[in-house]
Amino acid sequence: MVEALHPEVRVKSVGTDKAYHWLGFVAGCRQQGIAPYVACKEGMRTPGLDGRTTARAGYRLSQKLRQRVEEIFGGGSRR
């Protein structure tokens, strides 16, 4: 969809919350060459969401920024 509006832009990663922590989404991202920066559900493992993604500095930064945005809408601080 982004490519249709901006053909010069190449999506490299996508940051999401825990609702997207499922195999279909992660696999679809990988097939398109996109790193899925998905918030992990505790105690749940999803194939494809592993050290290739979670060990990256970009993943950690994405999760910190996602938390800040959620704080705005959620009202409370989670630090």
PDB file of N, CA and C in Angstrom:
ATOM      1  N   MET A   1       0.824  -1.189   0.000  1.00  0.00           N
ATOM      2  CA  MET A   1       0.000   0.000   0.000  1.00  0.00           C
ATOM      3  C   MET A   1       0.869   1.254   0.000  1.00  0.00           C
ATOM      4  N   VAL A   2       1.903   1.295   0.816  1.00  0.00           N
ATOM      5  CA  VAL A   2       2.785   2.458   0.852  1.00  0.00           C
ATOM      6  C   VAL A   2       3.449   2.654  -0.505  1.00  0.00           C
ATOM      7  N   GLU A   3       3.836   1.541  -1.152  1.00  0.00           N
ATOM      8  CA  GLU A   3       4.511   1.620  -2.437  1.00  0.00           C
ATOM      9  C   GLU A   3       3.627   2.262  -3.497  1.00  0.00           C
ATOM     10  N   ALA A   4       2.320   2.042  -3.433  1.00  0.00           N
ATOM     11  CA  ALA A   4       1.411   2.644  -4.398  1.00  0.00           C
ATOM     12  C   ALA A   4       1.380   4.160  -4.251  1.00  0.00           C
ATOM     13  N   LEU A   5       1.452   4.662  -3.033  1.00  0.00           N
ATOM     14  CA  LEU A   5       1.419   6.100  -2.793  1.00  0.00           C
ATOM     15  C   LEU A   5       2.791   6.740  -2.951  1.00  0.00           C
ATOM     16  N   HIS A   6       3.822   6.015  -2.556  1.00  0.00           N
ATOM     17  CA  HIS A   6       5.196   6.530  -2.572  1.00  0.00           C
ATOM     18  C   HIS A   6       6.129   5.458  -3.128  1.00  0.00           C
ATOM     19  N   PRO A   7       6.225   5.325  -4.441  1.00  0.00           N
ATOM     20  CA  PRO A   7       7.030   4.246  -5.022  1.00  0.00           C
ATOM     21  C   PRO A   7       8.511   4.301  -4.658  1.00  0.00           C
ATOM     22  N   GLU A   8       9.003   5.461  -4.251  1.00  0.00           N
ATOM     23  CA  GLU A   8      10.418   5.583  -3.895  1.00  0.00           C
ATOM     24  C   GLU A   8      10.714   5.106  -2.477  1.00  0.00           C
ATOM     25  N   VAL A   9       9.685   4.828  -1.690  1.00  0.00           N
ATOM     26  CA  VAL A   9       9.848   4.413  -0.296  1.00  0.00           C
ATOM     27  C   VAL A   9       9.855   2.888  -0.209  1.00  0.00           C
ATOM     28  N   ARG A  10      10.806   2.345   0.532  1.00  0.00           N
ATOM     29  CA  ARG A  10      10.877   0.896   0.770  1.00  0.00           C
ATOM     30  C   ARG A  10      10.707   0.651   2.259  1.00  0.00           C
ATOM     31  N   VAL A  11       9.620  -0.001   2.637  1.00  0.00           N
ATOM     32  CA  VAL A  11       9.348  -0.296   4.039  1.00  0.00           C
ATOM     33  C   VAL A  11      10.331  -1.369   4.512  1.00  0.00           C
ATOM     34  N   LYS A  12      11.034  -1.099   5.615  1.00  0.00           N
ATOM     35  CA  LYS A  12      12.015  -2.039   6.146  1.00  0.00           C
ATOM     36  C   LYS A  12      11.546  -2.704   7.427  1.00  0.00           C
ATOM     37  N   SER A  13      10.692  -2.011   8.185  1.00  0.00           N
ATOM     38  CA  SER A  13      10.203  -2.567   9.443  1.00  0.00           C
ATOM     39  C   SER A  13       8.825  -2.006   9.744  1.00  0.00           C
ATOM     40  N   VAL A  14       8.120  -2.721  10.618  1.00  0.00           N
ATOM     41  CA  VAL A  14       6.809  -2.255  11.064  1.00  0.00           C
ATOM     42  C   VAL A  14       6.703  -2.551  12.558  1.00  0.00           C
ATOM     43  N   GLY A  15       6.314  -1.549  13.335  1.00  0.00           N
ATOM     44  CA  GLY A  15       6.169  -1.716  14.778  1.00  0.00           C
ATOM     45  C   GLY A  15       4.704  -1.900  15.134  1.00  0.00           C
ATOM     46  N   THR A  16       4.419  -2.905  15.961  1.00  0.00           N
ATOM     47  CA  THR A  16       3.038  -3.190  16.326  1.00  0.00           C
ATOM     48  C   THR A  16       2.939  -3.569  17.804  1.00  0.00           C
ATOM     49  N   ASP A  17       1.699  -3.650  18.277  1.00  0.00           N
ATOM     50  CA  ASP A  17       1.484  -4.073  19.658  1.00  0.00           C
ATOM     51  C   ASP A  17       1.270  -5.585  19.717  1.00  0.00           C
ATOM     52  N   LYS A  18       0.895  -6.096  20.877  1.00  0.00           N
ATOM     53  CA  LYS A  18       0.765  -7.541  21.095  1.00  0.00           C
ATOM     54  C   LYS A  18      -0.331  -8.193  20.250  1.00  0.00           C
ATOM     55  N   ALA A  19      -1.262  -7.418  19.743  1.00  0.00           N
ATOM     56  CA  ALA A  19      -2.342  -7.989  18.931  1.00  0.00           C
ATOM     57  C   ALA A  19      -1.810  -8.627  17.643  1.00  0.00           C
ATOM     58  N   TYR A  20      -0.618  -8.237  17.213  1.00  0.00           N
ATOM     59  CA  TYR A  20      -0.043  -8.766  15.978  1.00  0.00           C
ATOM     60  C   TYR A  20       0.991  -9.861  16.231  1.00  0.00           C
ATOM     61  N   HIS A  21       1.073 -10.349  17.457  1.00  0.00           N
ATOM     62  CA  HIS A  21       2.019 -11.412  17.802  1.00  0.00           C
ATOM     63  C   HIS A  21       1.406 -12.761  17.407  1.00  0.00           C
ATOM     64  N   TRP A  22       1.378 -13.018  16.112  1.00  0.00           N
ATOM     65  CA  TRP A  22       0.870 -14.297  15.613  1.00  0.00           C
ATOM     66  C   TRP A  22       1.603 -14.663  14.326  1.00  0.00           C
ATOM     67  N   LEU A  23       1.681 -15.944  14.056  1.00  0.00           N
ATOM     68  CA  LEU A  23       2.491 -16.495  12.977  1.00  0.00           C
ATOM     69  C   LEU A  23       2.148 -15.905  11.612  1.00  0.00           C
ATOM     70  N   GLY A  24       0.880 -15.773  11.282  1.00  0.00           N
ATOM     71  CA  GLY A  24       0.482 -15.268   9.959  1.00  0.00           C
ATOM     72  C   GLY A  24       1.025 -13.881   9.669  1.00  0.00           C
ATOM     73  N   PHE A  25       0.956 -13.002  10.643  1.00  0.00           N
ATOM     74  CA  PHE A  25       1.455 -11.645  10.457  1.00  0.00           C
ATOM     75  C   PHE A  25       2.969 -11.635  10.326  1.00  0.00           C
ATOM     76  N   VAL A  26       3.649 -12.334  11.228  1.00  0.00           N
ATOM     77  CA  VAL A  26       5.111 -12.371  11.219  1.00  0.00           C
ATOM     78  C   VAL A  26       5.611 -12.992   9.913  1.00  0.00           C
ATOM     79  N   ALA A  27       5.022 -14.101   9.493  1.00  0.00           N
ATOM     80  CA  ALA A  27       5.441 -14.767   8.256  1.00  0.00           C
ATOM     81  C   ALA A  27       5.200 -13.873   7.043  1.00  0.00           C
ATOM     82  N   GLY A  28       4.072 -13.177   7.016  1.00  0.00           N
ATOM     83  CA  GLY A  28       3.771 -12.268   5.911  1.00  0.00           C
ATOM     84  C   GLY A  28       4.778 -11.139   5.812  1.00  0.00           C
ATOM     85  N   CYS A  29       5.172 -10.600   6.949  1.00  0.00           N
ATOM     86  CA  CYS A  29       6.203  -9.551   6.967  1.00  0.00           C
ATOM     87  C   CYS A  29       7.515 -10.090   6.423  1.00  0.00           C
ATOM     88  N   ARG A  30       7.912 -11.268   6.901  1.00  0.00           N
ATOM     89  CA  ARG A  30       9.177 -11.862   6.466  1.00  0.00           C
ATOM     90  C   ARG A  30       9.179 -12.113   4.959  1.00  0.00           C
ATOM     91  N   GLN A  31       8.052 -12.583   4.402  1.00  0.00           N
ATOM     92  CA  GLN A  31       7.970 -12.850   2.966  1.00  0.00           C
ATOM     93  C   GLN A  31       8.173 -11.582   2.153  1.00  0.00           C
ATOM     94  N   GLN A  32       7.790 -10.447   2.710  1.00  0.00           N
ATOM     95  CA  GLN A  32       7.924  -9.177   2.004  1.00  0.00           C
ATOM     96  C   GLN A  32       9.234  -8.460   2.333  1.00  0.00           C
ATOM     97  N   GLY A  33      10.088  -9.100   3.140  1.00  0.00           N
ATOM     98  CA  GLY A  33      11.363  -8.499   3.496  1.00  0.00           C
ATOM     99  C   GLY A  33      11.244  -7.392   4.529  1.00  0.00           C
ATOM    100  N   ILE A  34      10.197  -7.449   5.346  1.00  0.00           N
ATOM    101  CA  ILE A  34       9.946  -6.439   6.374  1.00  0.00           C
ATOM    102  C   ILE A  34      10.219  -7.053   7.740  1.00  0.00           C
ATOM    103  N   ALA A  35      10.952  -6.333   8.591  1.00  0.00           N
ATOM    104  CA  ALA A  35      11.225  -6.799   9.949  1.00  0.00           C
ATOM    105  C   ALA A  35      10.019  -6.475  10.829  1.00  0.00           C
ATOM    106  N   PRO A  36       9.366  -7.493  11.400  1.00  0.00           N
ATOM    107  CA  PRO A  36       8.186  -7.256  12.239  1.00  0.00           C
ATOM    108  C   PRO A  36       8.583  -6.913  13.674  1.00  0.00           C
ATOM    109  N   TYR A  37       8.490  -5.662  14.055  1.00  0.00           N
ATOM    110  CA  TYR A  37       8.814  -5.237  15.417  1.00  0.00           C
ATOM    111  C   TYR A  37       7.551  -5.337  16.261  1.00  0.00           C
ATOM    112  N   VAL A  38       7.228  -6.567  16.633  1.00  0.00           N
ATOM    113  CA  VAL A  38       5.998  -6.886  17.344  1.00  0.00           C
ATOM    114  C   VAL A  38       6.272  -6.990  18.835  1.00  0.00           C
ATOM    115  N   ALA A  39       5.419  -6.387  19.649  1.00  0.00           N
ATOM    116  CA  ALA A  39       5.524  -6.552  21.099  1.00  0.00           C
ATOM    117  C   ALA A  39       5.224  -8.014  21.415  1.00  0.00           C
ATOM    118  N   CYS A  40       6.114  -8.640  22.157  1.00  0.00           N
ATOM    119  CA  CYS A  40       5.975 -10.066  22.465  1.00  0.00           C
ATOM    120  C   CYS A  40       5.023 -10.299  23.627  1.00  0.00           C
ATOM    121  N   LYS A  41       4.184 -11.316  23.478  1.00  0.00           N
ATOM    122  CA  LYS A  41       3.325 -11.751  24.577  1.00  0.00           C
ATOM    123  C   LYS A  41       4.157 -12.644  25.481  1.00  0.00           C
ATOM    124  N   GLU A  42       4.071 -12.405  26.763  1.00  0.00           N
ATOM    125  CA  GLU A  42       4.860 -13.178  27.706  1.00  0.00           C
ATOM    126  C   GLU A  42       4.445 -14.646  27.687  1.00  0.00           C
ATOM    127  N   GLY A  43       5.446 -15.524  27.645  1.00  0.00           N
ATOM    128  CA  GLY A  43       5.191 -16.954  27.675  1.00  0.00           C
ATOM    129  C   GLY A  43       4.735 -17.531  26.348  1.00  0.00           C
ATOM    130  N   MET A  44       4.695 -16.726  25.288  1.00  0.00           N
ATOM    131  CA  MET A  44       4.248 -17.201  23.982  1.00  0.00           C
ATOM    132  C   MET A  44       5.376 -17.051  22.977  1.00  0.00           C
ATOM    133  N   ARG A  45       5.656 -18.115  22.254  1.00  0.00           N
ATOM    134  CA  ARG A  45       6.692 -18.069  21.209  1.00  0.00           C
ATOM    135  C   ARG A  45       6.013 -18.127  19.857  1.00  0.00           C
ATOM    136  N   THR A  46       6.493 -17.313  18.946  1.00  0.00           N
ATOM    137  CA  THR A  46       5.970 -17.297  17.589  1.00  0.00           C
ATOM    138  C   THR A  46       7.122 -17.548  16.627  1.00  0.00           C
ATOM    139  N   PRO A  47       7.029 -18.609  15.808  1.00  0.00           N
ATOM    140  CA  PRO A  47       8.091 -18.870  14.835  1.00  0.00           C
ATOM    141  C   PRO A  47       8.317 -17.641  13.943  1.00  0.00           C
ATOM    142  N   GLY A  48       9.564 -17.297  13.745  1.00  0.00           N
ATOM    143  CA  GLY A  48       9.888 -16.138  12.914  1.00  0.00           C
ATOM    144  C   GLY A  48      10.121 -14.880  13.723  1.00  0.00           C
ATOM    145  N   LEU A  49       9.595 -14.845  14.936  1.00  0.00           N
ATOM    146  CA  LEU A  49       9.820 -13.696  15.819  1.00  0.00           C
ATOM    147  C   LEU A  49      10.869 -14.137  16.833  1.00  0.00           C
ATOM    148  N   ASP A  50      12.120 -13.962  16.437  1.00  0.00           N
ATOM    149  CA  ASP A  50      13.219 -14.492  17.231  1.00  0.00           C
ATOM    150  C   ASP A  50      14.356 -13.484  17.277  1.00  0.00           C
ATOM    151  N   GLY A  51      15.550 -13.967  17.536  1.00  0.00           N
ATOM    152  CA  GLY A  51      16.719 -13.108  17.669  1.00  0.00           C
ATOM    153  C   GLY A  51      17.033 -12.270  16.445  1.00  0.00           C
ATOM    154  N   ARG A  52      16.590 -12.717  15.251  1.00  0.00           N
ATOM    155  CA  ARG A  52      16.819 -11.917  14.053  1.00  0.00           C
ATOM    156  C   ARG A  52      16.164 -10.555  14.191  1.00  0.00           C
ATOM    157  N   THR A  53      15.094 -10.516  14.939  1.00  0.00           N
ATOM    158  CA  THR A  53      14.358  -9.270  15.116  1.00  0.00           C
ATOM    159  C   THR A  53      14.574  -8.678  16.499  1.00  0.00           C
ATOM    160  N   THR A  54      14.331  -9.467  17.529  1.00  0.00           N
ATOM    161  CA  THR A  54      14.317  -8.934  18.890  1.00  0.00           C
ATOM    162  C   THR A  54      15.690  -8.505  19.408  1.00  0.00           C
ATOM    163  N   ALA A  55      16.771  -8.968  18.789  1.00  0.00           N
ATOM    164  CA  ALA A  55      18.110  -8.580  19.228  1.00  0.00           C
ATOM    165  C   ALA A  55      18.574  -7.260  18.610  1.00  0.00           C
ATOM    166  N   ARG A  56      17.840  -6.734  17.658  1.00  0.00           N
ATOM    167  CA  ARG A  56      18.245  -5.507  16.969  1.00  0.00           C
ATOM    168  C   ARG A  56      17.977  -4.271  17.817  1.00  0.00           C
ATOM    169  N   ALA A  57      18.850  -3.303  17.662  1.00  0.00           N
ATOM    170  CA  ALA A  57      18.668  -2.022  18.373  1.00  0.00           C
ATOM    171  C   ALA A  57      17.381  -1.341  17.911  1.00  0.00           C
ATOM    172  N   GLY A  58      17.045  -1.482  16.641  1.00  0.00           N
ATOM    173  CA  GLY A  58      15.820  -0.880  16.112  1.00  0.00           C
ATOM    174  C   GLY A  58      14.569  -1.445  16.773  1.00  0.00           C
ATOM    175  N   TYR A  59      14.598  -2.730  17.103  1.00  0.00           N
ATOM    176  CA  TYR A  59      13.467  -3.358  17.787  1.00  0.00           C
ATOM    177  C   TYR A  59      13.280  -2.740  19.168  1.00  0.00           C
ATOM    178  N   ARG A  60      14.371  -2.623  19.905  1.00  0.00           N
ATOM    179  CA  ARG A  60      14.284  -2.048  21.252  1.00  0.00           C
ATOM    180  C   ARG A  60      13.794  -0.601  21.209  1.00  0.00           C
ATOM    181  N   LEU A  61      14.302   0.172  20.265  1.00  0.00           N
ATOM    182  CA  LEU A  61      13.866   1.565  20.125  1.00  0.00           C
ATOM    183  C   LEU A  61      12.388   1.619  19.752  1.00  0.00           C
ATOM    184  N   SER A  62      11.969   0.763  18.832  1.00  0.00           N
ATOM    185  CA  SER A  62      10.567   0.721  18.411  1.00  0.00           C
ATOM    186  C   SER A  62       9.642   0.451  19.598  1.00  0.00           C
ATOM    187  N   GLN A  63      10.035  -0.481  20.461  1.00  0.00           N
ATOM    188  CA  GLN A  63       9.199  -0.830  21.602  1.00  0.00           C
ATOM    189  C   GLN A  63       9.126   0.299  22.629  1.00  0.00           C
ATOM    190  N   LYS A  64      10.228   1.020  22.801  1.00  0.00           N
ATOM    191  CA  LYS A  64      10.222   2.171  23.719  1.00  0.00           C
ATOM    192  C   LYS A  64       9.295   3.266  23.194  1.00  0.00           C
ATOM    193  N   LEU A  65       9.376   3.545  21.897  1.00  0.00           N
ATOM    194  CA  LEU A  65       8.532   4.578  21.303  1.00  0.00           C
ATOM    195  C   LEU A  65       7.061   4.163  21.323  1.00  0.00           C
ATOM    196  N   ARG A  66       6.805   2.876  21.061  1.00  0.00           N
ATOM    197  CA  ARG A  66       5.426   2.371  21.105  1.00  0.00           C
ATOM    198  C   ARG A  66       4.840   2.564  22.502  1.00  0.00           C
ATOM    199  N   GLN A  67       5.643   2.288  23.527  1.00  0.00           N
ATOM    200  CA  GLN A  67       5.180   2.441  24.906  1.00  0.00           C
ATOM    201  C   GLN A  67       4.844   3.899  25.202  1.00  0.00           C
ATOM    202  N   ARG A  68       5.660   4.818  24.715  1.00  0.00           N
ATOM    203  CA  ARG A  68       5.383   6.245  24.942  1.00  0.00           C
ATOM    204  C   ARG A  68       4.068   6.662  24.307  1.00  0.00           C
ATOM    205  N   VAL A  69       3.803   6.172  23.115  1.00  0.00           N
ATOM    206  CA  VAL A  69       2.546   6.497  22.439  1.00  0.00           C
ATOM    207  C   VAL A  69       1.377   5.919  23.219  1.00  0.00           C
ATOM    208  N   GLU A  70       1.496   4.684  23.688  1.00  0.00           N
ATOM    209  CA  GLU A  70       0.420   4.058  24.454  1.00  0.00           C
ATOM    210  C   GLU A  70       0.162   4.794  25.764  1.00  0.00           C
ATOM    211  N   GLU A  71       1.220   5.351  26.364  1.00  0.00           N
ATOM    212  CA  GLU A  71       1.037   6.115  27.596  1.00  0.00           C
ATOM    213  C   GLU A  71       0.140   7.328  27.376  1.00  0.00           C
ATOM    214  N   ILE A  72       0.272   7.954  26.217  1.00  0.00           N
ATOM    215  CA  ILE A  72      -0.549   9.122  25.897  1.00  0.00           C
ATOM    216  C   ILE A  72      -2.021   8.740  25.876  1.00  0.00           C
ATOM    217  N   PHE A  73      -2.336   7.616  25.228  1.00  0.00           N
ATOM    218  CA  PHE A  73      -3.731   7.195  25.095  1.00  0.00           C
ATOM    219  C   PHE A  73      -4.241   6.460  26.334  1.00  0.00           C
ATOM    220  N   GLY A  74      -3.329   5.784  27.048  1.00  0.00           N
ATOM    221  CA  GLY A  74      -3.718   5.013  28.224  1.00  0.00           C
ATOM    222  C   GLY A  74      -3.786   5.865  29.493  1.00  0.00           C
ATOM    223  N   GLY A  75      -3.077   6.983  29.471  1.00  0.00           N
ATOM    224  CA  GLY A  75      -3.123   7.893  30.613  1.00  0.00           C
ATOM    225  C   GLY A  75      -2.083   7.633  31.682  1.00  0.00           C
ATOM    226  N   GLY A  76      -1.695   6.394  31.921  1.00  0.00           N
ATOM    227  CA  GLY A  76      -0.762   6.091  33.009  1.00  0.00           C
ATOM    228  C   GLY A  76       0.647   5.874  32.525  1.00  0.00           C
ATOM    229  N   SER A  77       1.591   6.073  33.407  1.00  0.00           N
ATOM    230  CA  SER A  77       2.980   5.822  33.091  1.00  0.00           C
ATOM    231  C   SER A  77       3.322   4.384  33.430  1.00  0.00           C
ATOM    232  N   ARG A  78       4.082   3.718  32.557  1.00  0.00           N
ATOM    233  CA  ARG A  78       4.438   2.308  32.773  1.00  0.00           C
ATOM    234  C   ARG A  78       5.927   2.116  32.932  1.00  0.00           C
ATOM    235  N   ARG A  79       6.632   3.083  33.424  1.00  0.00           N
ATOM    236  CA  ARG A  79       8.092   2.957  33.545  1.00  0.00           C
ATOM    237  C   ARG A  79       8.472   2.272  34.778  1.00  0.00           C
TER     238      ARG A  79
END
